Amino acid sequence: MRAPIGDFDQATPAPDCLGELTRPVADAVRHWRGGVPADQILYVETDPQWADTAAFVEHYGRDLLEKAANCVVVAGKRGGETRLAACVVPSASRVDVNGVVRRRLDARKASFASMEVATGETGMEYGGITPIGLPQDWPVLIDATVVELPYVLLGSGRRRGKLLVPGKALAELPGAVVLEGLGV
């Protein structure tokens, strides 16, 4: 099948290629619930050397920058307690960690989680973390502009491969909270 965005040779419905995904992502696709059918989540094969956003759009097409989002893990701290969350923002922006995130997590201090924490807690590879398949009790903070995209390019849980997901499907994820101004 042809990819709805980008110039990828092949797009495969995620339920048909669960072996290409990390276990938490594959499990989330396997048990998908919501208004958007799971077969509308598509997997495209990409080279892991181009996984980081700047290199990816340079290699696969600059037009993808406006259709891509990054998922980052953040840690909010208050009174010796740490709460993890995921933030999904357009790739051309950065997460408002010290404003929107800190207030939303009711944290005294918020920062990006370390690579070890992010990969250990998600079961995904650094540079491929996706909001699909995150721990059920995590808030998934999503910039409103991402939800409005017909399809958004996201990590697949691995550095190899990407997911193309209808933006509105992200709002249906467990723990999803759609916010204005999360990406600045």
N, C-alpha and C. Protein backbone atom coordinates (compact mmCIF):
# COMPACT_ATOMS: atom_id res chain seq x y z
N MET A 1 0.84 -1.17 0.00
CA MET A 1 0.00 0.00 0.00
C MET A 1 0.89 1.24 0.00
N ARG A 2 0.41 2.29 -0.60
CA ARG A 2 1.12 3.56 -0.66
C ARG A 2 0.93 4.32 0.65
N ALA A 3 1.96 4.94 1.15
CA ALA A 3 1.89 5.73 2.38
C ALA A 3 1.08 7.00 2.13
N PRO A 4 0.22 7.40 3.09
CA PRO A 4 -0.57 8.61 2.91
C PRO A 4 0.24 9.90 3.02
N ILE A 5 1.42 9.83 3.61
CA ILE A 5 2.34 10.97 3.65
C ILE A 5 3.74 10.46 3.36
N GLY A 6 4.59 11.34 2.89
CA GLY A 6 5.96 10.96 2.60
C GLY A 6 6.09 10.19 1.31
N ASP A 7 7.31 9.88 0.98
CA ASP A 7 7.61 9.15 -0.25
C ASP A 7 8.21 7.79 0.10
N PHE A 8 7.44 7.01 0.86
CA PHE A 8 7.90 5.69 1.28
C PHE A 8 7.42 4.65 0.28
N ASP A 9 8.28 3.69 -0.02
CA ASP A 9 7.95 2.67 -1.00
C ASP A 9 6.77 1.81 -0.57
N GLN A 10 6.71 1.50 0.70
CA GLN A 10 5.70 0.55 1.20
C GLN A 10 5.22 0.97 2.58
N ALA A 11 3.92 0.96 2.77
CA ALA A 11 3.32 1.18 4.10
C ALA A 11 2.48 -0.05 4.40
N THR A 12 2.66 -0.61 5.58
CA THR A 12 1.97 -1.84 5.98
C THR A 12 1.11 -1.56 7.21
N PRO A 13 -0.15 -2.01 7.21
CA PRO A 13 -0.95 -1.85 8.42
C PRO A 13 -0.21 -2.48 9.61
N ALA A 14 -0.11 -1.73 10.70
CA ALA A 14 0.66 -2.20 11.87
C ALA A 14 0.22 -3.58 12.36
N PRO A 15 -1.09 -3.92 12.34
CA PRO A 15 -1.47 -5.26 12.80
C PRO A 15 -0.87 -6.39 11.95
N ASP A 16 -0.44 -6.05 10.72
CA ASP A 16 0.13 -7.06 9.83
C ASP A 16 1.64 -7.19 9.96
N CYS A 17 2.27 -6.39 10.82
CA CYS A 17 3.73 -6.46 10.96
C CYS A 17 4.14 -6.27 12.42
N LEU A 18 3.45 -6.93 13.31
CA LEU A 18 3.72 -6.78 14.75
C LEU A 18 5.15 -7.17 15.10
N GLY A 19 5.75 -8.07 14.35
CA GLY A 19 7.12 -8.49 14.60
C GLY A 19 8.15 -7.39 14.38
N GLU A 20 7.78 -6.33 13.67
CA GLU A 20 8.69 -5.20 13.44
C GLU A 20 8.66 -4.20 14.59
N LEU A 21 7.73 -4.38 15.52
CA LEU A 21 7.53 -3.42 16.61
C LEU A 21 8.06 -3.99 17.92
N THR A 22 8.39 -3.11 18.86
CA THR A 22 8.77 -3.58 20.19
C THR A 22 7.53 -4.20 20.85
N ARG A 23 7.75 -5.01 21.85
CA ARG A 23 6.63 -5.70 22.50
C ARG A 23 5.53 -4.76 23.00
N PRO A 24 5.86 -3.66 23.72
CA PRO A 24 4.77 -2.80 24.20
C PRO A 24 3.97 -2.16 23.07
N VAL A 25 4.63 -1.80 21.98
CA VAL A 25 3.92 -1.20 20.84
C VAL A 25 3.07 -2.26 20.15
N ALA A 26 3.63 -3.44 19.93
CA ALA A 26 2.87 -4.53 19.31
C ALA A 26 1.65 -4.90 20.15
N ASP A 27 1.82 -4.97 21.47
CA ASP A 27 0.69 -5.28 22.35
C ASP A 27 -0.40 -4.22 22.26
N ALA A 28 0.00 -2.95 22.21
CA ALA A 28 -0.98 -1.86 22.11
C ALA A 28 -1.75 -1.94 20.79
N VAL A 29 -1.06 -2.26 19.70
CA VAL A 29 -1.73 -2.40 18.41
C VAL A 29 -2.65 -3.61 18.43
N ARG A 30 -2.17 -4.71 18.98
CA ARG A 30 -2.95 -5.95 19.05
C ARG A 30 -4.25 -5.74 19.83
N HIS A 31 -4.22 -4.94 20.89
CA HIS A 31 -5.39 -4.72 21.75
C HIS A 31 -6.02 -3.34 21.53
N TRP A 32 -5.83 -2.78 20.36
CA TRP A 32 -6.28 -1.43 20.04
C TRP A 32 -7.79 -1.29 20.20
N ARG A 33 -8.19 -0.19 20.83
CA ARG A 33 -9.60 0.16 20.97
C ARG A 33 -9.73 1.62 20.56
N GLY A 34 -10.85 1.98 20.02
CA GLY A 34 -11.06 3.38 19.68
C GLY A 34 -11.77 3.53 18.36
N GLY A 35 -12.06 4.77 18.03
CA GLY A 35 -12.81 5.09 16.83
C GLY A 35 -12.03 4.89 15.55
N VAL A 36 -10.71 4.95 15.61
CA VAL A 36 -9.87 4.74 14.44
C VAL A 36 -9.43 3.28 14.43
N PRO A 37 -9.76 2.53 13.37
CA PRO A 37 -9.34 1.11 13.33
C PRO A 37 -7.81 0.96 13.34
N ALA A 38 -7.35 -0.09 13.97
CA ALA A 38 -5.91 -0.35 14.09
C ALA A 38 -5.22 -0.46 12.74
N ASP A 39 -5.94 -0.94 11.71
CA ASP A 39 -5.29 -1.09 10.41
C ASP A 39 -5.04 0.25 9.71
N GLN A 40 -5.49 1.36 10.31
CA GLN A 40 -5.15 2.69 9.78
C GLN A 40 -3.83 3.20 10.36
N ILE A 41 -3.29 2.49 11.34
CA ILE A 41 -1.95 2.78 11.85
C ILE A 41 -1.00 2.02 10.94
N LEU A 42 -0.11 2.73 10.29
CA LEU A 42 0.75 2.13 9.29
C LEU A 42 2.20 2.14 9.72
N TYR A 43 2.93 1.12 9.29
CA TYR A 43 4.37 1.00 9.56
C TYR A 43 5.11 1.20 8.25
N VAL A 44 6.16 2.03 8.30
CA VAL A 44 7.05 2.18 7.15
C VAL A 44 8.47 1.87 7.59
N GLU A 45 9.16 1.12 6.77
CA GLU A 45 10.55 0.75 7.04
C GLU A 45 11.44 1.95 6.75
N THR A 46 12.32 2.27 7.69
CA THR A 46 13.28 3.35 7.51
C THR A 46 14.63 2.89 8.05
N ASP A 47 15.67 3.56 7.63
CA ASP A 47 17.02 3.23 8.05
C ASP A 47 17.29 3.85 9.42
N PRO A 48 17.76 3.06 10.40
CA PRO A 48 17.98 3.59 11.74
C PRO A 48 19.02 4.71 11.82
N GLN A 49 19.94 4.79 10.84
CA GLN A 49 20.93 5.87 10.88
C GLN A 49 20.29 7.23 10.65
N TRP A 50 19.06 7.25 10.13
CA TRP A 50 18.35 8.51 9.87
C TRP A 50 17.20 8.73 10.87
N ALA A 51 17.21 8.05 12.01
CA ALA A 51 16.08 8.10 12.94
C ALA A 51 15.86 9.47 13.60
N ASP A 52 16.92 10.21 13.88
CA ASP A 52 16.77 11.50 14.54
C ASP A 52 16.14 12.51 13.57
N THR A 53 15.30 13.38 14.09
CA THR A 53 14.45 14.25 13.27
C THR A 53 15.20 15.01 12.18
N ALA A 54 16.24 15.72 12.53
CA ALA A 54 16.95 16.54 11.54
C ALA A 54 17.50 15.68 10.41
N ALA A 55 18.14 14.59 10.75
CA ALA A 55 18.70 13.69 9.73
C ALA A 55 17.57 13.03 8.94
N PHE A 56 16.48 12.68 9.62
CA PHE A 56 15.37 12.00 8.96
C PHE A 56 14.77 12.87 7.85
N VAL A 57 14.43 14.11 8.18
CA VAL A 57 13.78 14.96 7.17
C VAL A 57 14.76 15.34 6.06
N GLU A 58 16.04 15.45 6.39
CA GLU A 58 17.03 15.73 5.36
C GLU A 58 17.09 14.57 4.36
N HIS A 59 17.01 13.35 4.87
CA HIS A 59 17.11 12.16 4.02
C HIS A 59 15.78 11.81 3.32
N TYR A 60 14.67 11.86 4.05
CA TYR A 60 13.39 11.39 3.53
C TYR A 60 12.48 12.49 2.99
N GLY A 61 12.86 13.74 3.18
CA GLY A 61 12.08 14.85 2.62
C GLY A 61 11.72 15.90 3.65
N ARG A 62 12.09 17.14 3.36
CA ARG A 62 11.86 18.24 4.29
C ARG A 62 10.37 18.47 4.55
N ASP A 63 9.53 18.11 3.61
CA ASP A 63 8.08 18.30 3.81
C ASP A 63 7.55 17.48 4.99
N LEU A 64 8.26 16.44 5.39
CA LEU A 64 7.82 15.61 6.52
C LEU A 64 7.94 16.33 7.86
N LEU A 65 8.75 17.37 7.93
CA LEU A 65 8.91 18.09 9.19
C LEU A 65 7.57 18.63 9.68
N GLU A 66 6.71 19.05 8.77
CA GLU A 66 5.39 19.59 9.14
C GLU A 66 4.38 18.49 9.46
N LYS A 67 4.74 17.24 9.21
CA LYS A 67 3.83 16.12 9.41
C LYS A 67 4.36 15.13 10.44
N ALA A 68 5.42 15.51 11.12
CA ALA A 68 6.07 14.61 12.08
C ALA A 68 5.94 15.16 13.49
N ALA A 69 5.96 14.25 14.45
CA ALA A 69 5.92 14.63 15.86
C ALA A 69 6.96 13.81 16.61
N ASN A 70 7.46 14.39 17.68
CA ASN A 70 8.39 13.70 18.57
C ASN A 70 7.68 13.36 19.86
N CYS A 71 8.02 12.21 20.41
CA CYS A 71 7.50 11.78 21.70
C CYS A 71 8.68 11.70 22.66
N VAL A 72 8.62 12.51 23.71
CA VAL A 72 9.71 12.53 24.69
C VAL A 72 9.16 12.20 26.07
N VAL A 73 10.00 11.57 26.87
CA VAL A 73 9.62 11.22 28.23
C VAL A 73 10.14 12.30 29.17
N VAL A 74 9.25 12.77 30.05
CA VAL A 74 9.62 13.80 31.02
C VAL A 74 9.39 13.27 32.43
N ALA A 75 10.10 13.88 33.36
CA ALA A 75 9.98 13.52 34.78
C ALA A 75 9.63 14.77 35.56
N GLY A 76 8.51 14.72 36.28
CA GLY A 76 8.10 15.81 37.16
C GLY A 76 8.36 15.41 38.59
N LYS A 77 8.98 16.32 39.37
CA LYS A 77 9.33 15.99 40.76
C LYS A 77 8.68 16.98 41.71
N ARG A 78 8.19 16.43 42.82
CA ARG A 78 7.65 17.24 43.91
C ARG A 78 7.73 16.41 45.18
N GLY A 79 8.33 16.98 46.20
CA GLY A 79 8.39 16.33 47.51
C GLY A 79 9.03 14.95 47.49
N GLY A 80 10.07 14.76 46.72
CA GLY A 80 10.75 13.47 46.69
C GLY A 80 10.07 12.43 45.82
N GLU A 81 8.97 12.78 45.21
CA GLU A 81 8.23 11.86 44.35
C GLU A 81 8.45 12.26 42.89
N THR A 82 8.66 11.27 42.03
CA THR A 82 8.85 11.52 40.60
C THR A 82 7.70 10.90 39.83
N ARG A 83 7.16 11.66 38.91
CA ARG A 83 6.07 11.18 38.05
C ARG A 83 6.52 11.30 36.61
N LEU A 84 6.43 10.19 35.87
CA LEU A 84 6.82 10.18 34.46
C LEU A 84 5.61 10.42 33.58
N ALA A 85 5.85 11.05 32.45
CA ALA A 85 4.81 11.32 31.46
C ALA A 85 5.48 11.34 30.09
N ALA A 86 4.66 11.30 29.06
CA ALA A 86 5.15 11.45 27.70
C ALA A 86 4.56 12.73 27.12
N CYS A 87 5.33 13.38 26.28
CA CYS A 87 4.88 14.59 25.59
C CYS A 87 5.05 14.38 24.10
N VAL A 88 4.00 14.70 23.34
CA VAL A 88 4.03 14.56 21.89
C VAL A 88 3.83 15.95 21.30
N VAL A 89 4.85 16.42 20.59
CA VAL A 89 4.81 17.77 20.01
C VAL A 89 5.28 17.71 18.56
N PRO A 90 4.89 18.70 17.76
CA PRO A 90 5.40 18.75 16.38
C PRO A 90 6.92 18.74 16.38
N SER A 91 7.50 18.07 15.41
CA SER A 91 8.96 17.95 15.35
C SER A 91 9.67 19.28 15.21
N ALA A 92 8.99 20.28 14.68
CA ALA A 92 9.61 21.59 14.50
C ALA A 92 9.54 22.44 15.76
N SER A 93 9.02 21.88 16.84
CA SER A 93 8.90 22.65 18.09
C SER A 93 9.64 21.93 19.21
N ARG A 94 9.60 22.54 20.39
CA ARG A 94 10.18 21.91 21.57
C ARG A 94 9.13 21.88 22.66
N VAL A 95 9.28 20.97 23.59
CA VAL A 95 8.31 20.79 24.67
C VAL A 95 8.49 21.92 25.70
N ASP A 96 7.38 22.53 26.11
CA ASP A 96 7.40 23.56 27.15
C ASP A 96 7.45 22.85 28.52
N VAL A 97 8.63 22.33 28.85
CA VAL A 97 8.81 21.53 30.06
C VAL A 97 8.60 22.37 31.32
N ASN A 98 9.18 23.56 31.36
CA ASN A 98 9.12 24.37 32.58
C ASN A 98 7.84 25.17 32.73
N GLY A 99 6.98 25.13 31.74
CA GLY A 99 5.70 25.83 31.82
C GLY A 99 4.55 24.84 31.84
N VAL A 100 4.07 24.47 30.67
CA VAL A 100 2.90 23.62 30.53
C VAL A 100 3.08 22.27 31.24
N VAL A 101 4.20 21.61 31.01
CA VAL A 101 4.42 20.27 31.59
C VAL A 101 4.50 20.34 33.12
N ARG A 102 5.29 21.24 33.62
CA ARG A 102 5.46 21.36 35.07
C ARG A 102 4.12 21.61 35.76
N ARG A 103 3.33 22.52 35.19
CA ARG A 103 2.01 22.81 35.79
C ARG A 103 1.07 21.61 35.67
N ARG A 104 1.07 20.97 34.52
CA ARG A 104 0.15 19.83 34.30
C ARG A 104 0.47 18.67 35.23
N LEU A 105 1.76 18.45 35.51
CA LEU A 105 2.17 17.35 36.40
C LEU A 105 2.18 17.77 37.86
N ASP A 106 1.80 19.03 38.13
CA ASP A 106 1.83 19.59 39.48
C ASP A 106 3.20 19.31 40.13
N ALA A 107 4.23 19.65 39.36
CA ALA A 107 5.61 19.37 39.80
C ALA A 107 6.32 20.67 40.16
N ARG A 108 7.21 20.58 41.12
CA ARG A 108 8.06 21.72 41.47
C ARG A 108 9.12 21.88 40.38
N LYS A 109 9.60 20.73 39.87
CA LYS A 109 10.63 20.74 38.84
C LYS A 109 10.28 19.67 37.81
N ALA A 110 10.46 20.01 36.54
CA ALA A 110 10.25 19.04 35.45
C ALA A 110 11.46 19.09 34.53
N SER A 111 11.82 17.92 34.01
CA SER A 111 12.95 17.84 33.08
C SER A 111 12.77 16.62 32.19
N PHE A 112 13.60 16.53 31.17
CA PHE A 112 13.57 15.35 30.32
C PHE A 112 14.13 14.18 31.11
N ALA A 113 13.51 13.03 31.01
CA ALA A 113 14.01 11.84 31.68
C ALA A 113 15.32 11.40 31.03
N SER A 114 16.16 10.76 31.80
CA SER A 114 17.42 10.25 31.24
C SER A 114 17.12 9.16 30.23
N MET A 115 18.09 8.90 29.37
CA MET A 115 17.93 7.85 28.37
C MET A 115 17.66 6.51 29.04
N GLU A 116 18.35 6.22 30.13
CA GLU A 116 18.16 4.94 30.82
C GLU A 116 16.74 4.80 31.36
N VAL A 117 16.22 5.87 31.96
CA VAL A 117 14.85 5.84 32.48
C VAL A 117 13.85 5.72 31.33
N ALA A 118 14.03 6.54 30.28
CA ALA A 118 13.09 6.53 29.16
C ALA A 118 13.00 5.16 28.49
N THR A 119 14.14 4.54 28.22
CA THR A 119 14.12 3.24 27.55
C THR A 119 13.71 2.13 28.51
N GLY A 120 14.17 2.22 29.75
CA GLY A 120 13.84 1.18 30.73
C GLY A 120 12.37 1.14 31.07
N GLU A 121 11.75 2.30 31.20
CA GLU A 121 10.34 2.36 31.58
C GLU A 121 9.39 2.12 30.41
N THR A 122 9.83 2.40 29.18
CA THR A 122 8.95 2.23 28.02
C THR A 122 9.15 0.90 27.30
N GLY A 123 10.34 0.31 27.42
CA GLY A 123 10.65 -0.89 26.64
C GLY A 123 10.90 -0.57 25.17
N MET A 124 11.22 0.70 24.89
CA MET A 124 11.45 1.15 23.52
C MET A 124 12.87 1.66 23.39
N GLU A 125 13.32 1.79 22.15
CA GLU A 125 14.67 2.29 21.88
C GLU A 125 14.68 3.82 21.90
N TYR A 126 15.76 4.37 22.42
CA TYR A 126 15.93 5.82 22.43
C TYR A 126 15.99 6.30 20.98
N GLY A 127 15.25 7.34 20.67
CA GLY A 127 15.17 7.83 19.30
C GLY A 127 14.02 7.20 18.53
N GLY A 128 13.28 6.29 19.16
CA GLY A 128 12.14 5.65 18.50
C GLY A 128 10.91 5.61 19.39
N ILE A 129 10.97 6.28 20.54
CA ILE A 129 9.85 6.22 21.49
C ILE A 129 8.59 6.80 20.86
N THR A 130 7.50 6.11 21.06
CA THR A 130 6.21 6.47 20.49
C THR A 130 5.16 6.50 21.60
N PRO A 131 4.09 7.26 21.44
CA PRO A 131 3.05 7.29 22.48
C PRO A 131 2.20 6.02 22.51
N ILE A 132 2.29 5.21 21.50
CA ILE A 132 1.51 3.97 21.43
C ILE A 132 2.26 2.88 22.18
N GLY A 133 1.65 2.36 23.25
CA GLY A 133 2.28 1.29 24.01
C GLY A 133 2.99 1.75 25.28
N LEU A 134 2.76 2.98 25.69
CA LEU A 134 3.37 3.46 26.93
C LEU A 134 2.66 2.86 28.14
N PRO A 135 3.29 2.90 29.30
CA PRO A 135 2.62 2.39 30.51
C PRO A 135 1.25 3.05 30.70
N GLN A 136 0.26 2.25 31.06
CA GLN A 136 -1.13 2.69 31.15
C GLN A 136 -1.36 3.85 32.12
N ASP A 137 -0.53 3.93 33.17
CA ASP A 137 -0.76 4.96 34.19
C ASP A 137 -0.06 6.28 33.88
N TRP A 138 0.62 6.38 32.76
CA TRP A 138 1.30 7.62 32.40
C TRP A 138 0.34 8.60 31.75
N PRO A 139 0.46 9.89 32.09
CA PRO A 139 -0.21 10.89 31.26
C PRO A 139 0.53 10.98 29.92
N VAL A 140 -0.23 11.10 28.84
CA VAL A 140 0.35 11.31 27.52
C VAL A 140 -0.14 12.68 27.08
N LEU A 141 0.72 13.68 27.22
CA LEU A 141 0.38 15.05 26.90
C LEU A 141 0.65 15.28 25.42
N ILE A 142 -0.38 15.72 24.69
CA ILE A 142 -0.28 15.84 23.24
C ILE A 142 -0.63 17.26 22.83
N ASP A 143 0.25 17.88 22.05
CA ASP A 143 -0.04 19.21 21.53
C ASP A 143 -1.24 19.13 20.58
N ALA A 144 -2.16 20.06 20.72
CA ALA A 144 -3.40 20.05 19.93
C ALA A 144 -3.15 20.05 18.43
N THR A 145 -2.07 20.66 17.97
CA THR A 145 -1.81 20.71 16.54
C THR A 145 -1.49 19.33 15.97
N VAL A 146 -0.96 18.44 16.79
CA VAL A 146 -0.64 17.08 16.33
C VAL A 146 -1.93 16.30 16.09
N VAL A 147 -2.90 16.46 16.95
CA VAL A 147 -4.18 15.74 16.84
C VAL A 147 -4.93 16.16 15.58
N GLU A 148 -4.70 17.38 15.11
CA GLU A 148 -5.39 17.90 13.93
C GLU A 148 -4.84 17.37 12.62
N LEU A 149 -3.66 16.76 12.62
CA LEU A 149 -3.05 16.27 11.38
C LEU A 149 -3.79 15.03 10.87
N PRO A 150 -4.03 14.94 9.57
CA PRO A 150 -4.67 13.73 9.03
C PRO A 150 -3.84 12.48 9.34
N TYR A 151 -2.53 12.57 9.14
CA TYR A 151 -1.59 11.52 9.52
C TYR A 151 -0.36 12.21 10.09
N VAL A 152 0.20 11.59 11.12
CA VAL A 152 1.42 12.11 11.75
C VAL A 152 2.47 11.00 11.77
N LEU A 153 3.69 11.36 11.47
CA LEU A 153 4.83 10.44 11.46
C LEU A 153 5.42 10.42 12.87
N LEU A 154 5.52 9.23 13.45
CA LEU A 154 6.02 9.04 14.82
C LEU A 154 7.01 7.88 14.86
N GLY A 155 7.71 7.76 15.96
CA GLY A 155 8.56 6.61 16.17
C GLY A 155 7.73 5.34 16.21
N SER A 156 8.40 4.21 16.07
CA SER A 156 7.71 2.91 16.09
C SER A 156 8.07 2.07 17.31
N GLY A 157 8.86 2.67 18.22
CA GLY A 157 9.38 1.93 19.36
C GLY A 157 10.82 1.50 19.13
N ARG A 158 11.23 1.51 17.88
CA ARG A 158 12.60 1.20 17.47
C ARG A 158 13.14 2.35 16.64
N ARG A 159 14.45 2.39 16.49
CA ARG A 159 15.03 3.41 15.60
C ARG A 159 14.77 3.04 14.14
N ARG A 160 14.61 1.77 13.87
CA ARG A 160 14.28 1.33 12.51
C ARG A 160 12.76 1.37 12.36
N GLY A 161 12.29 2.10 11.38
CA GLY A 161 10.86 2.14 11.10
C GLY A 161 10.15 3.28 11.81
N LYS A 162 9.06 3.70 11.21
CA LYS A 162 8.21 4.76 11.75
C LYS A 162 6.76 4.33 11.64
N LEU A 163 5.92 4.95 12.45
CA LEU A 163 4.48 4.75 12.35
C LEU A 163 3.85 5.99 11.75
N LEU A 164 2.86 5.76 10.90
CA LEU A 164 2.03 6.83 10.37
C LEU A 164 0.67 6.63 11.02
N VAL A 165 0.24 7.60 11.83
CA VAL A 165 -0.94 7.45 12.67
C VAL A 165 -1.90 8.60 12.41
N PRO A 166 -3.19 8.33 12.20
CA PRO A 166 -4.14 9.44 12.12
C PRO A 166 -4.05 10.26 13.41
N GLY A 167 -3.92 11.57 13.29
CA GLY A 167 -3.76 12.42 14.46
C GLY A 167 -4.85 12.22 15.50
N LYS A 168 -6.10 12.06 15.04
CA LYS A 168 -7.21 11.92 15.99
C LYS A 168 -7.11 10.63 16.80
N ALA A 169 -6.38 9.63 16.31
CA ALA A 169 -6.21 8.38 17.06
C ALA A 169 -5.37 8.62 18.32
N LEU A 170 -4.48 9.58 18.28
CA LEU A 170 -3.63 9.85 19.44
C LEU A 170 -4.44 10.36 20.63
N ALA A 171 -5.50 11.10 20.35
CA ALA A 171 -6.36 11.62 21.43
C ALA A 171 -7.10 10.51 22.15
N GLU A 172 -7.16 9.32 21.57
CA GLU A 172 -7.85 8.17 22.16
C GLU A 172 -6.93 7.26 22.96
N LEU A 173 -5.65 7.56 23.00
CA LEU A 173 -4.71 6.72 23.73
C LEU A 173 -5.00 6.76 25.23
N PRO A 174 -4.69 5.68 25.94
CA PRO A 174 -4.84 5.70 27.40
C PRO A 174 -4.03 6.85 27.99
N GLY A 175 -4.63 7.63 28.86
CA GLY A 175 -3.93 8.73 29.52
C GLY A 175 -3.76 9.98 28.68
N ALA A 176 -4.32 10.01 27.46
CA ALA A 176 -4.13 11.15 26.56
C ALA A 176 -4.79 12.41 27.10
N VAL A 177 -4.04 13.50 27.04
CA VAL A 177 -4.54 14.82 27.38
C VAL A 177 -4.07 15.76 26.26
N VAL A 178 -5.01 16.32 25.53
CA VAL A 178 -4.68 17.23 24.43
C VAL A 178 -4.59 18.65 25.00
N LEU A 179 -3.47 19.31 24.72
CA LEU A 179 -3.19 20.63 25.31
C LEU A 179 -2.78 21.63 24.23
N GLU A 180 -3.23 22.85 24.39
CA GLU A 180 -2.76 23.95 23.55
C GLU A 180 -1.41 24.41 24.10
N GLY A 181 -0.48 24.72 23.21
CA GLY A 181 0.77 25.33 23.62
C GLY A 181 1.79 24.41 24.28
N LEU A 182 1.62 23.10 24.16
CA LEU A 182 2.61 22.18 24.72
C LEU A 182 3.93 22.27 23.95
N GLY A 183 3.82 22.43 22.64
CA GLY A 183 5.00 22.62 21.80
C GLY A 183 5.19 24.10 21.52
N VAL A 184 6.41 24.58 21.73
CA VAL A 184 6.69 26.00 21.50
C VAL A 184 7.84 26.15 20.51
